[in-house]
Amino acid sequence: IITLVQLTWDFKQDVNKIEESIAQIE
């Protein structure tokens, strides 16, 4: 459960970074 929570959290963080990169491109 802790691993899933951690991976979910990391996944969201990575997706947010990509979206921030796209926003930076704009």
mmCIF file of all heavy atoms, coordinates in Angstrom:
data_MODEL
# 
_entry.id   MODEL 
# 
loop_
_atom_site.group_PDB 
_atom_site.id 
_atom_site.type_symbol 
_atom_site.label_atom_id 
_atom_site.label_alt_id 
_atom_site.label_comp_id 
_atom_site.label_asym_id 
_atom_site.label_entity_id 
_atom_site.label_seq_id 
_atom_site.pdbx_PDB_ins_code 
_atom_site.Cartn_x 
_atom_site.Cartn_y 
_atom_site.Cartn_z 
_atom_site.occupancy 
_atom_site.B_iso_or_equiv 
_atom_site.pdbx_formal_charge 
_atom_site.auth_seq_id 
_atom_site.auth_comp_id 
_atom_site.auth_asym_id 
_atom_site.auth_atom_id 
_atom_site.pdbx_PDB_model_num 
ATOM 1   N N   . ILE A 1 1  ? 0.842  -1.202 0.000   1.00 0.00 ? 1  ILE A N   1 
ATOM 2   C CA  . ILE A 1 1  ? 0.000  0.000  0.000   1.00 0.00 ? 1  ILE A CA  1 
ATOM 3   C C   . ILE A 1 1  ? 0.872  1.245  0.000   1.00 0.00 ? 1  ILE A C   1 
ATOM 4   O O   . ILE A 1 1  ? 0.642  2.205  -0.764  1.00 0.00 ? 1  ILE A O   1 
ATOM 5   C CB  . ILE A 1 1  ? -0.951 -0.022 1.210   1.00 0.00 ? 1  ILE A CB  1 
ATOM 6   C CG1 . ILE A 1 1  ? -1.980 -1.160 1.053   1.00 0.00 ? 1  ILE A CG1 1 
ATOM 7   C CG2 . ILE A 1 1  ? -1.665 1.317  1.370   1.00 0.00 ? 1  ILE A CG2 1 
ATOM 8   C CD1 . ILE A 1 1  ? -2.826 -1.402 2.274   1.00 0.00 ? 1  ILE A CD1 1 
ATOM 9   N N   . ILE A 1 2  ? 1.905  1.213  0.858   1.00 0.00 ? 2  ILE A N   1 
ATOM 10  C CA  . ILE A 1 2  ? 2.809  2.374  0.918   1.00 0.00 ? 2  ILE A CA  1 
ATOM 11  C C   . ILE A 1 2  ? 3.525  2.564  -0.422  1.00 0.00 ? 2  ILE A C   1 
ATOM 12  O O   . ILE A 1 2  ? 3.685  3.695  -0.921  1.00 0.00 ? 2  ILE A O   1 
ATOM 13  C CB  . ILE A 1 2  ? 3.818  2.198  2.067   1.00 0.00 ? 2  ILE A CB  1 
ATOM 14  C CG1 . ILE A 1 2  ? 3.066  2.250  3.426   1.00 0.00 ? 2  ILE A CG1 1 
ATOM 15  C CG2 . ILE A 1 2  ? 4.890  3.273  2.019   1.00 0.00 ? 2  ILE A CG2 1 
ATOM 16  C CD1 . ILE A 1 2  ? 3.922  1.912  4.617   1.00 0.00 ? 2  ILE A CD1 1 
ATOM 17  N N   . THR A 1 3  ? 3.970  1.455  -1.048  1.00 0.00 ? 3  THR A N   1 
ATOM 18  C CA  . THR A 1 3  ? 4.662  1.537  -2.353  1.00 0.00 ? 3  THR A CA  1 
ATOM 19  C C   . THR A 1 3  ? 3.752  2.109  -3.417  1.00 0.00 ? 3  THR A C   1 
ATOM 20  O O   . THR A 1 3  ? 4.155  2.981  -4.215  1.00 0.00 ? 3  THR A O   1 
ATOM 21  C CB  . THR A 1 3  ? 5.153  0.142  -2.765  1.00 0.00 ? 3  THR A CB  1 
ATOM 22  O OG1 . THR A 1 3  ? 6.025  -0.355 -1.735  1.00 0.00 ? 3  THR A OG1 1 
ATOM 23  C CG2 . THR A 1 3  ? 5.912  0.195  -4.081  1.00 0.00 ? 3  THR A CG2 1 
ATOM 24  N N   . LEU A 1 4  ? 2.506  1.634  -3.433  1.00 0.00 ? 4  LEU A N   1 
ATOM 25  C CA  . LEU A 1 4  ? 1.551  2.150  -4.413  1.00 0.00 ? 4  LEU A CA  1 
ATOM 26  C C   . LEU A 1 4  ? 1.299  3.626  -4.206  1.00 0.00 ? 4  LEU A C   1 
ATOM 27  O O   . LEU A 1 4  ? 1.229  4.410  -5.175  1.00 0.00 ? 4  LEU A O   1 
ATOM 28  C CB  . LEU A 1 4  ? 0.243  1.363  -4.324  1.00 0.00 ? 4  LEU A CB  1 
ATOM 29  C CG  . LEU A 1 4  ? 0.302  -0.103 -4.791  1.00 0.00 ? 4  LEU A CG  1 
ATOM 30  C CD1 . LEU A 1 4  ? -1.036 -0.790 -4.532  1.00 0.00 ? 4  LEU A CD1 1 
ATOM 31  C CD2 . LEU A 1 4  ? 0.661  -0.170 -6.289  1.00 0.00 ? 4  LEU A CD2 1 
ATOM 32  N N   . VAL A 1 5  ? 1.173  3.990  -2.947  1.00 0.00 ? 5  VAL A N   1 
ATOM 33  C CA  . VAL A 1 5  ? 0.961  5.413  -2.666  1.00 0.00 ? 5  VAL A CA  1 
ATOM 34  C C   . VAL A 1 5  ? 2.175  6.220  -3.120  1.00 0.00 ? 5  VAL A C   1 
ATOM 35  O O   . VAL A 1 5  ? 2.056  7.294  -3.740  1.00 0.00 ? 5  VAL A O   1 
ATOM 36  C CB  . VAL A 1 5  ? 0.676  5.615  -1.161  1.00 0.00 ? 5  VAL A CB  1 
ATOM 37  C CG1 . VAL A 1 5  ? 0.655  7.110  -0.825  1.00 0.00 ? 5  VAL A CG1 1 
ATOM 38  C CG2 . VAL A 1 5  ? -0.667 4.988  -0.788  1.00 0.00 ? 5  VAL A CG2 1 
ATOM 39  N N   . GLN A 1 6  ? 3.360  5.689  -2.815  1.00 0.00 ? 6  GLN A N   1 
ATOM 40  C CA  . GLN A 1 6  ? 4.581  6.398  -3.192  1.00 0.00 ? 6  GLN A CA  1 
ATOM 41  C C   . GLN A 1 6  ? 4.723  6.510  -4.715  1.00 0.00 ? 6  GLN A C   1 
ATOM 42  O O   . GLN A 1 6  ? 5.067  7.570  -5.257  1.00 0.00 ? 6  GLN A O   1 
ATOM 43  C CB  . GLN A 1 6  ? 5.797  5.656  -2.607  1.00 0.00 ? 6  GLN A CB  1 
ATOM 44  C CG  . GLN A 1 6  ? 7.129  6.345  -2.862  1.00 0.00 ? 6  GLN A CG  1 
ATOM 45  C CD  . GLN A 1 6  ? 7.241  7.671  -2.135  1.00 0.00 ? 6  GLN A CD  1 
ATOM 46  O OE1 . GLN A 1 6  ? 6.789  7.785  -1.011  1.00 0.00 ? 6  GLN A OE1 1 
ATOM 47  N NE2 . GLN A 1 6  ? 7.833  8.676  -2.781  1.00 0.00 ? 6  GLN A NE2 1 
ATOM 48  N N   . LEU A 1 7  ? 4.455  5.379  -5.433  1.00 0.00 ? 7  LEU A N   1 
ATOM 49  C CA  . LEU A 1 7  ? 4.558  5.391  -6.900  1.00 0.00 ? 7  LEU A CA  1 
ATOM 50  C C   . LEU A 1 7  ? 3.532  6.329  -7.511  1.00 0.00 ? 7  LEU A C   1 
ATOM 51  O O   . LEU A 1 7  ? 3.816  7.049  -8.477  1.00 0.00 ? 7  LEU A O   1 
ATOM 52  C CB  . LEU A 1 7  ? 4.382  3.976  -7.444  1.00 0.00 ? 7  LEU A CB  1 
ATOM 53  C CG  . LEU A 1 7  ? 5.510  2.984  -7.087  1.00 0.00 ? 7  LEU A CG  1 
ATOM 54  C CD1 . LEU A 1 7  ? 5.169  1.596  -7.593  1.00 0.00 ? 7  LEU A CD1 1 
ATOM 55  C CD2 . LEU A 1 7  ? 6.853  3.452  -7.675  1.00 0.00 ? 7  LEU A CD2 1 
ATOM 56  N N   . THR A 1 8  ? 2.348  6.300  -6.955  1.00 0.00 ? 8  THR A N   1 
ATOM 57  C CA  . THR A 1 8  ? 1.317  7.222  -7.461  1.00 0.00 ? 8  THR A CA  1 
ATOM 58  C C   . THR A 1 8  ? 1.745  8.659  -7.269  1.00 0.00 ? 8  THR A C   1 
ATOM 59  O O   . THR A 1 8  ? 1.583  9.515  -8.157  1.00 0.00 ? 8  THR A O   1 
ATOM 60  C CB  . THR A 1 8  ? -0.016 6.967  -6.737  1.00 0.00 ? 8  THR A CB  1 
ATOM 61  O OG1 . THR A 1 8  ? -0.384 5.601  -6.913  1.00 0.00 ? 8  THR A OG1 1 
ATOM 62  C CG2 . THR A 1 8  ? -1.116 7.854  -7.270  1.00 0.00 ? 8  THR A CG2 1 
ATOM 63  N N   . TRP A 1 9  ? 2.302  8.906  -6.116  1.00 0.00 ? 9  TRP A N   1 
ATOM 64  C CA  . TRP A 1 9  ? 2.776  10.268 -5.850  1.00 0.00 ? 9  TRP A CA  1 
ATOM 65  C C   . TRP A 1 9  ? 3.898  10.658 -6.819  1.00 0.00 ? 9  TRP A C   1 
ATOM 66  O O   . TRP A 1 9  ? 3.892  11.748 -7.378  1.00 0.00 ? 9  TRP A O   1 
ATOM 67  C CB  . TRP A 1 9  ? 3.232  10.358 -4.392  1.00 0.00 ? 9  TRP A CB  1 
ATOM 68  C CG  . TRP A 1 9  ? 3.895  11.657 -4.051  1.00 0.00 ? 9  TRP A CG  1 
ATOM 69  C CD1 . TRP A 1 9  ? 5.221  11.916 -3.988  1.00 0.00 ? 9  TRP A CD1 1 
ATOM 70  C CD2 . TRP A 1 9  ? 3.238  12.891 -3.766  1.00 0.00 ? 9  TRP A CD2 1 
ATOM 71  N NE1 . TRP A 1 9  ? 5.466  13.223 -3.667  1.00 0.00 ? 9  TRP A NE1 1 
ATOM 72  C CE2 . TRP A 1 9  ? 4.233  13.858 -3.516  1.00 0.00 ? 9  TRP A CE2 1 
ATOM 73  C CE3 . TRP A 1 9  ? 1.891  13.271 -3.708  1.00 0.00 ? 9  TRP A CE3 1 
ATOM 74  C CZ2 . TRP A 1 9  ? 3.927  15.177 -3.194  1.00 0.00 ? 9  TRP A CZ2 1 
ATOM 75  C CZ3 . TRP A 1 9  ? 1.617  14.585 -3.377  1.00 0.00 ? 9  TRP A CZ3 1 
ATOM 76  C CH2 . TRP A 1 9  ? 2.609  15.528 -3.126  1.00 0.00 ? 9  TRP A CH2 1 
ATOM 77  N N   . ASP A 1 10 ? 4.869  9.751  -7.024  1.00 0.00 ? 10 ASP A N   1 
ATOM 78  C CA  . ASP A 1 10 ? 5.979  10.031 -7.940  1.00 0.00 ? 10 ASP A CA  1 
ATOM 79  C C   . ASP A 1 10 ? 5.489  10.208 -9.381  1.00 0.00 ? 10 ASP A C   1 
ATOM 80  O O   . ASP A 1 10 ? 5.984  11.064 -10.127 1.00 0.00 ? 10 ASP A O   1 
ATOM 81  C CB  . ASP A 1 10 ? 7.017  8.906  -7.884  1.00 0.00 ? 10 ASP A CB  1 
ATOM 82  C CG  . ASP A 1 10 ? 7.726  8.871  -6.540  1.00 0.00 ? 10 ASP A CG  1 
ATOM 83  O OD1 . ASP A 1 10 ? 7.677  9.889  -5.804  1.00 0.00 ? 10 ASP A OD1 1 
ATOM 84  O OD2 . ASP A 1 10 ? 8.306  7.826  -6.182  1.00 0.00 ? 10 ASP A OD2 1 
ATOM 85  N N   . PHE A 1 11 ? 4.501  9.365  -9.763  1.00 0.00 ? 11 PHE A N   1 
ATOM 86  C CA  . PHE A 1 11 ? 3.946  9.468  -11.120 1.00 0.00 ? 11 PHE A CA  1 
ATOM 87  C C   . PHE A 1 11 ? 3.310  10.833 -11.328 1.00 0.00 ? 11 PHE A C   1 
ATOM 88  O O   . PHE A 1 11 ? 3.536  11.494 -12.360 1.00 0.00 ? 11 PHE A O   1 
ATOM 89  C CB  . PHE A 1 11 ? 2.936  8.347  -11.346 1.00 0.00 ? 11 PHE A CB  1 
ATOM 90  C CG  . PHE A 1 11 ? 2.255  8.413  -12.668 1.00 0.00 ? 11 PHE A CG  1 
ATOM 91  C CD1 . PHE A 1 11 ? 2.924  8.032  -13.847 1.00 0.00 ? 11 PHE A CD1 1 
ATOM 92  C CD2 . PHE A 1 11 ? 0.943  8.874  -12.777 1.00 0.00 ? 11 PHE A CD2 1 
ATOM 93  C CE1 . PHE A 1 11 ? 2.277  8.119  -15.067 1.00 0.00 ? 11 PHE A CE1 1 
ATOM 94  C CE2 . PHE A 1 11 ? 0.315  8.949  -13.992 1.00 0.00 ? 11 PHE A CE2 1 
ATOM 95  C CZ  . PHE A 1 11 ? 0.973  8.568  -15.156 1.00 0.00 ? 11 PHE A CZ  1 
ATOM 96  N N   . LYS A 1 12 ? 2.581  11.268 -10.383 1.00 0.00 ? 12 LYS A N   1 
ATOM 97  C CA  . LYS A 1 12 ? 1.945  12.574 -10.508 1.00 0.00 ? 12 LYS A CA  1 
ATOM 98  C C   . LYS A 1 12 ? 2.990  13.675 -10.547 1.00 0.00 ? 12 LYS A C   1 
ATOM 99  O O   . LYS A 1 12 ? 2.861  14.664 -11.294 1.00 0.00 ? 12 LYS A O   1 
ATOM 100 C CB  . LYS A 1 12 ? 0.974  12.803 -9.334  1.00 0.00 ? 12 LYS A CB  1 
ATOM 101 C CG  . LYS A 1 12 ? -0.289 11.955 -9.434  1.00 0.00 ? 12 LYS A CG  1 
ATOM 102 C CD  . LYS A 1 12 ? -1.233 12.278 -8.303  1.00 0.00 ? 12 LYS A CD  1 
ATOM 103 C CE  . LYS A 1 12 ? -2.521 11.478 -8.423  1.00 0.00 ? 12 LYS A CE  1 
ATOM 104 N NZ  . LYS A 1 12 ? -3.477 11.799 -7.322  1.00 0.00 ? 12 LYS A NZ  1 
ATOM 105 N N   . GLN A 1 13 ? 4.043  13.506 -9.748  1.00 0.00 ? 13 GLN A N   1 
ATOM 106 C CA  . GLN A 1 13 ? 5.103  14.512 -9.763  1.00 0.00 ? 13 GLN A CA  1 
ATOM 107 C C   . GLN A 1 13 ? 5.797  14.575 -11.141 1.00 0.00 ? 13 GLN A C   1 
ATOM 108 O O   . GLN A 1 13 ? 6.065  15.669 -11.671 1.00 0.00 ? 13 GLN A O   1 
ATOM 109 C CB  . GLN A 1 13 ? 6.137  14.184 -8.656  1.00 0.00 ? 13 GLN A CB  1 
ATOM 110 C CG  . GLN A 1 13 ? 5.609  14.369 -7.227  1.00 0.00 ? 13 GLN A CG  1 
ATOM 111 C CD  . GLN A 1 13 ? 5.302  15.813 -6.915  1.00 0.00 ? 13 GLN A CD  1 
ATOM 112 O OE1 . GLN A 1 13 ? 5.998  16.741 -7.376  1.00 0.00 ? 13 GLN A OE1 1 
ATOM 113 N NE2 . GLN A 1 13 ? 4.234  16.028 -6.147  1.00 0.00 ? 13 GLN A NE2 1 
ATOM 114 N N   . ASP A 1 14 ? 6.079  13.386 -11.723 1.00 0.00 ? 14 ASP A N   1 
ATOM 115 C CA  . ASP A 1 14 ? 6.715  13.368 -13.057 1.00 0.00 ? 14 ASP A CA  1 
ATOM 116 C C   . ASP A 1 14 ? 5.806  13.978 -14.116 1.00 0.00 ? 14 ASP A C   1 
ATOM 117 O O   . ASP A 1 14 ? 6.258  14.730 -15.004 1.00 0.00 ? 14 ASP A O   1 
ATOM 118 C CB  . ASP A 1 14 ? 7.093  11.931 -13.435 1.00 0.00 ? 14 ASP A CB  1 
ATOM 119 C CG  . ASP A 1 14 ? 8.225  11.413 -12.560 1.00 0.00 ? 14 ASP A CG  1 
ATOM 120 O OD1 . ASP A 1 14 ? 8.947  12.249 -11.967 1.00 0.00 ? 14 ASP A OD1 1 
ATOM 121 O OD2 . ASP A 1 14 ? 8.378  10.177 -12.442 1.00 0.00 ? 14 ASP A OD2 1 
ATOM 122 N N   . VAL A 1 15 ? 4.530  13.621 -14.076 1.00 0.00 ? 15 VAL A N   1 
ATOM 123 C CA  . VAL A 1 15 ? 3.582  14.185 -15.045 1.00 0.00 ? 15 VAL A CA  1 
ATOM 124 C C   . VAL A 1 15 ? 3.504  15.693 -14.879 1.00 0.00 ? 15 VAL A C   1 
ATOM 125 O O   . VAL A 1 15 ? 3.459  16.450 -15.859 1.00 0.00 ? 15 VAL A O   1 
ATOM 126 C CB  . VAL A 1 15 ? 2.207  13.524 -14.876 1.00 0.00 ? 15 VAL A CB  1 
ATOM 127 C CG1 . VAL A 1 15 ? 1.170  14.241 -15.728 1.00 0.00 ? 15 VAL A CG1 1 
ATOM 128 C CG2 . VAL A 1 15 ? 2.269  12.047 -15.270 1.00 0.00 ? 15 VAL A CG2 1 
ATOM 129 N N   . ASN A 1 16 ? 3.524  16.146 -13.650 1.00 0.00 ? 16 ASN A N   1 
ATOM 130 C CA  . ASN A 1 16 ? 3.483  17.595 -13.411 1.00 0.00 ? 16 ASN A CA  1 
ATOM 131 C C   . ASN A 1 16 ? 4.732  18.270 -13.979 1.00 0.00 ? 16 ASN A C   1 
ATOM 132 O O   . ASN A 1 16 ? 4.673  19.382 -14.518 1.00 0.00 ? 16 ASN A O   1 
ATOM 133 C CB  . ASN A 1 16 ? 3.362  17.865 -11.913 1.00 0.00 ? 16 ASN A CB  1 
ATOM 134 C CG  . ASN A 1 16 ? 1.978  17.501 -11.377 1.00 0.00 ? 16 ASN A CG  1 
ATOM 135 O OD1 . ASN A 1 16 ? 1.002  17.504 -12.144 1.00 0.00 ? 16 ASN A OD1 1 
ATOM 136 N ND2 . ASN A 1 16 ? 1.884  17.194 -10.103 1.00 0.00 ? 16 ASN A ND2 1 
ATOM 137 N N   . LYS A 1 17 ? 5.895  17.574 -13.844 1.00 0.00 ? 17 LYS A N   1 
ATOM 138 C CA  . LYS A 1 17 ? 7.125  18.154 -14.399 1.00 0.00 ? 17 LYS A CA  1 
ATOM 139 C C   . LYS A 1 17 ? 7.039  18.277 -15.918 1.00 0.00 ? 17 LYS A C   1 
ATOM 140 O O   . LYS A 1 17 ? 7.460  19.288 -16.504 1.00 0.00 ? 17 LYS A O   1 
ATOM 141 C CB  . LYS A 1 17 ? 8.320  17.286 -14.018 1.00 0.00 ? 17 LYS A CB  1 
ATOM 142 C CG  . LYS A 1 17 ? 8.720  17.405 -12.554 1.00 0.00 ? 17 LYS A CG  1 
ATOM 143 C CD  . LYS A 1 17 ? 9.932  16.534 -12.263 1.00 0.00 ? 17 LYS A CD  1 
ATOM 144 C CE  . LYS A 1 17 ? 10.333 16.638 -10.795 1.00 0.00 ? 17 LYS A CE  1 
ATOM 145 N NZ  . LYS A 1 17 ? 11.512 15.793 -10.510 1.00 0.00 ? 17 LYS A NZ  1 
ATOM 146 N N   . ILE A 1 18 ? 6.499  17.239 -16.566 1.00 0.00 ? 18 ILE A N   1 
ATOM 147 C CA  . ILE A 1 18 ? 6.349  17.290 -18.027 1.00 0.00 ? 18 ILE A CA  1 
ATOM 148 C C   . ILE A 1 18 ? 5.420  18.429 -18.413 1.00 0.00 ? 18 ILE A C   1 
ATOM 149 O O   . ILE A 1 18 ? 5.685  19.202 -19.351 1.00 0.00 ? 18 ILE A O   1 
ATOM 150 C CB  . ILE A 1 18 ? 5.843  15.935 -18.559 1.00 0.00 ? 18 ILE A CB  1 
ATOM 151 C CG1 . ILE A 1 18 ? 6.905  14.848 -18.317 1.00 0.00 ? 18 ILE A CG1 1 
ATOM 152 C CG2 . ILE A 1 18 ? 5.482  16.018 -20.030 1.00 0.00 ? 18 ILE A CG2 1 
ATOM 153 C CD1 . ILE A 1 18 ? 6.426  13.446 -18.637 1.00 0.00 ? 18 ILE A CD1 1 
ATOM 154 N N   . GLU A 1 19 ? 4.315  18.529 -17.689 1.00 0.00 ? 19 GLU A N   1 
ATOM 155 C CA  . GLU A 1 19 ? 3.367  19.597 -18.001 1.00 0.00 ? 19 GLU A CA  1 
ATOM 156 C C   . GLU A 1 19 ? 3.993  20.962 -17.744 1.00 0.00 ? 19 GLU A C   1 
ATOM 157 O O   . GLU A 1 19 ? 3.740  21.931 -18.472 1.00 0.00 ? 19 GLU A O   1 
ATOM 158 C CB  . GLU A 1 19 ? 2.101  19.410 -17.155 1.00 0.00 ? 19 GLU A CB  1 
ATOM 159 C CG  . GLU A 1 19 ? 1.285  18.197 -17.598 1.00 0.00 ? 19 GLU A CG  1 
ATOM 160 C CD  . GLU A 1 19 ? 0.067  18.005 -16.723 1.00 0.00 ? 19 GLU A CD  1 
ATOM 161 O OE1 . GLU A 1 19 ? -0.040 18.705 -15.683 1.00 0.00 ? 19 GLU A OE1 1 
ATOM 162 O OE2 . GLU A 1 19 ? -0.798 17.148 -17.050 1.00 0.00 ? 19 GLU A OE2 1 
ATOM 163 N N   . GLU A 1 20 ? 4.825  21.068 -16.712 1.00 0.00 ? 20 GLU A N   1 
ATOM 164 C CA  . GLU A 1 20 ? 5.518  22.333 -16.465 1.00 0.00 ? 20 GLU A CA  1 
ATOM 165 C C   . GLU A 1 20 ? 6.509  22.639 -17.610 1.00 0.00 ? 20 GLU A C   1 
ATOM 166 O O   . GLU A 1 20 ? 6.686  23.802 -18.004 1.00 0.00 ? 20 GLU A O   1 
ATOM 167 C CB  . GLU A 1 20 ? 6.256  22.260 -15.124 1.00 0.00 ? 20 GLU A CB  1 
ATOM 168 C CG  . GLU A 1 20 ? 5.311  22.286 -13.909 1.00 0.00 ? 20 GLU A CG  1 
ATOM 169 C CD  . GLU A 1 20 ? 6.069  22.127 -12.617 1.00 0.00 ? 20 GLU A CD  1 
ATOM 170 O OE1 . GLU A 1 20 ? 7.317  21.964 -12.663 1.00 0.00 ? 20 GLU A OE1 1 
ATOM 171 O OE2 . GLU A 1 20 ? 5.409  22.150 -11.529 1.00 0.00 ? 20 GLU A OE2 1 
ATOM 172 N N   . SER A 1 21 ? 7.155  21.557 -18.106 1.00 0.00 ? 21 SER A N   1 
ATOM 173 C CA  . SER A 1 21 ? 8.084  21.768 -19.253 1.00 0.00 ? 21 SER A CA  1 
ATOM 174 C C   . SER A 1 21 ? 7.327  22.273 -20.470 1.00 0.00 ? 21 SER A C   1 
ATOM 175 O O   . SER A 1 21 ? 7.790  23.183 -21.191 1.00 0.00 ? 21 SER A O   1 
ATOM 176 C CB  . SER A 1 21 ? 8.807  20.451 -19.572 1.00 0.00 ? 21 SER A CB  1 
ATOM 177 O OG  . SER A 1 21 ? 9.585  20.048 -18.467 1.00 0.00 ? 21 SER A OG  1 
ATOM 178 N N   . ILE A 1 22 ? 6.192  21.700 -20.753 1.00 0.00 ? 22 ILE A N   1 
ATOM 179 C CA  . ILE A 1 22 ? 5.369  22.153 -21.883 1.00 0.00 ? 22 ILE A CA  1 
ATOM 180 C C   . ILE A 1 22 ? 4.936  23.587 -21.671 1.00 0.00 ? 22 ILE A C   1 
ATOM 181 O O   . ILE A 1 22 ? 4.934  24.415 -22.598 1.00 0.00 ? 22 ILE A O   1 
ATOM 182 C CB  . ILE A 1 22 ? 4.170  21.212 -22.076 1.00 0.00 ? 22 ILE A CB  1 
ATOM 183 C CG1 . ILE A 1 22 ? 4.647  19.812 -22.506 1.00 0.00 ? 22 ILE A CG1 1 
ATOM 184 C CG2 . ILE A 1 22 ? 3.190  21.767 -23.101 1.00 0.00 ? 22 ILE A CG2 1 
ATOM 185 C CD1 . ILE A 1 22 ? 3.564  18.772 -22.564 1.00 0.00 ? 22 ILE A CD1 1 
ATOM 186 N N   . ALA A 1 23 ? 4.562  23.899 -20.390 1.00 0.00 ? 23 ALA A N   1 
ATOM 187 C CA  . ALA A 1 23 ? 4.170  25.280 -20.103 1.00 0.00 ? 23 ALA A CA  1 
ATOM 188 C C   . ALA A 1 23 ? 5.359  26.227 -20.285 1.00 0.00 ? 23 ALA A C   1 
ATOM 189 O O   . ALA A 1 23 ? 5.220  27.357 -20.751 1.00 0.00 ? 23 ALA A O   1 
ATOM 190 C CB  . ALA A 1 23 ? 3.618  25.359 -18.668 1.00 0.00 ? 23 ALA A CB  1 
ATOM 191 N N   . GLN A 1 24 ? 6.550  25.751 -19.937 1.00 0.00 ? 24 GLN A N   1 
ATOM 192 C CA  . GLN A 1 24 ? 7.758  26.570 -20.130 1.00 0.00 ? 24 GLN A CA  1 
ATOM 193 C C   . GLN A 1 24 ? 8.031  26.798 -21.616 1.00 0.00 ? 24 GLN A C   1 
ATOM 194 O O   . GLN A 1 24 ? 8.470  27.881 -22.011 1.00 0.00 ? 24 GLN A O   1 
ATOM 195 C CB  . GLN A 1 24 ? 8.953  25.870 -19.456 1.00 0.00 ? 24 GLN A CB  1 
ATOM 196 C CG  . GLN A 1 24 ? 10.239 26.691 -19.491 1.00 0.00 ? 24 GLN A CG  1 
ATOM 197 C CD  . GLN A 1 24 ? 11.390 25.960 -18.820 1.00 0.00 ? 24 GLN A CD  1 
ATOM 198 O OE1 . GLN A 1 24 ? 11.223 24.839 -18.356 1.00 0.00 ? 24 GLN A OE1 1 
ATOM 199 N NE2 . GLN A 1 24 ? 12.555 26.605 -18.801 1.00 0.00 ? 24 GLN A NE2 1 
ATOM 200 N N   . ILE A 1 25 ? 7.757  25.746 -22.446 1.00 0.00 ? 25 ILE A N   1 
ATOM 201 C CA  . ILE A 1 25 ? 7.921  25.888 -23.910 1.00 0.00 ? 25 ILE A CA  1 
ATOM 202 C C   . ILE A 1 25 ? 6.999  26.974 -24.426 1.00 0.00 ? 25 ILE A C   1 
ATOM 203 O O   . ILE A 1 25 ? 7.370  27.813 -25.254 1.00 0.00 ? 25 ILE A O   1 
ATOM 204 C CB  . ILE A 1 25 ? 7.648  24.544 -24.606 1.00 0.00 ? 25 ILE A CB  1 
ATOM 205 C CG1 . ILE A 1 25 ? 8.760  23.544 -24.255 1.00 0.00 ? 25 ILE A CG1 1 
ATOM 206 C CG2 . ILE A 1 25 ? 7.532  24.708 -26.117 1.00 0.00 ? 25 ILE A CG2 1 
ATOM 207 C CD1 . ILE A 1 25 ? 8.474  22.136 -24.709 1.00 0.00 ? 25 ILE A CD1 1 
ATOM 208 N N   . GLU A 1 26 ? 5.813  27.025 -23.930 1.00 0.00 ? 26 GLU A N   1 
ATOM 209 C CA  . GLU A 1 26 ? 4.838  28.017 -24.388 1.00 0.00 ? 26 GLU A CA  1 
ATOM 210 C C   . GLU A 1 26 ? 5.309  29.424 -24.084 1.00 0.00 ? 26 GLU A C   1 
ATOM 211 O O   . GLU A 1 26 ? 5.158  30.345 -24.888 1.00 0.00 ? 26 GLU A O   1 
ATOM 212 C CB  . GLU A 1 26 ? 3.488  27.742 -23.719 1.00 0.00 ? 26 GLU A CB  1 
ATOM 213 C CG  . GLU A 1 26 ? 2.392  28.701 -24.182 1.00 0.00 ? 26 GLU A CG  1 
ATOM 214 C CD  . GLU A 1 26 ? 1.078  28.433 -23.505 1.00 0.00 ? 26 GLU A CD  1 
ATOM 215 O OE1 . GLU A 1 26 ? 1.011  27.518 -22.603 1.00 0.00 ? 26 GLU A OE1 1 
ATOM 216 O OE2 . GLU A 1 26 ? 0.065  29.096 -23.823 1.00 0.00 ? 26 GLU A OE2 1 
# 
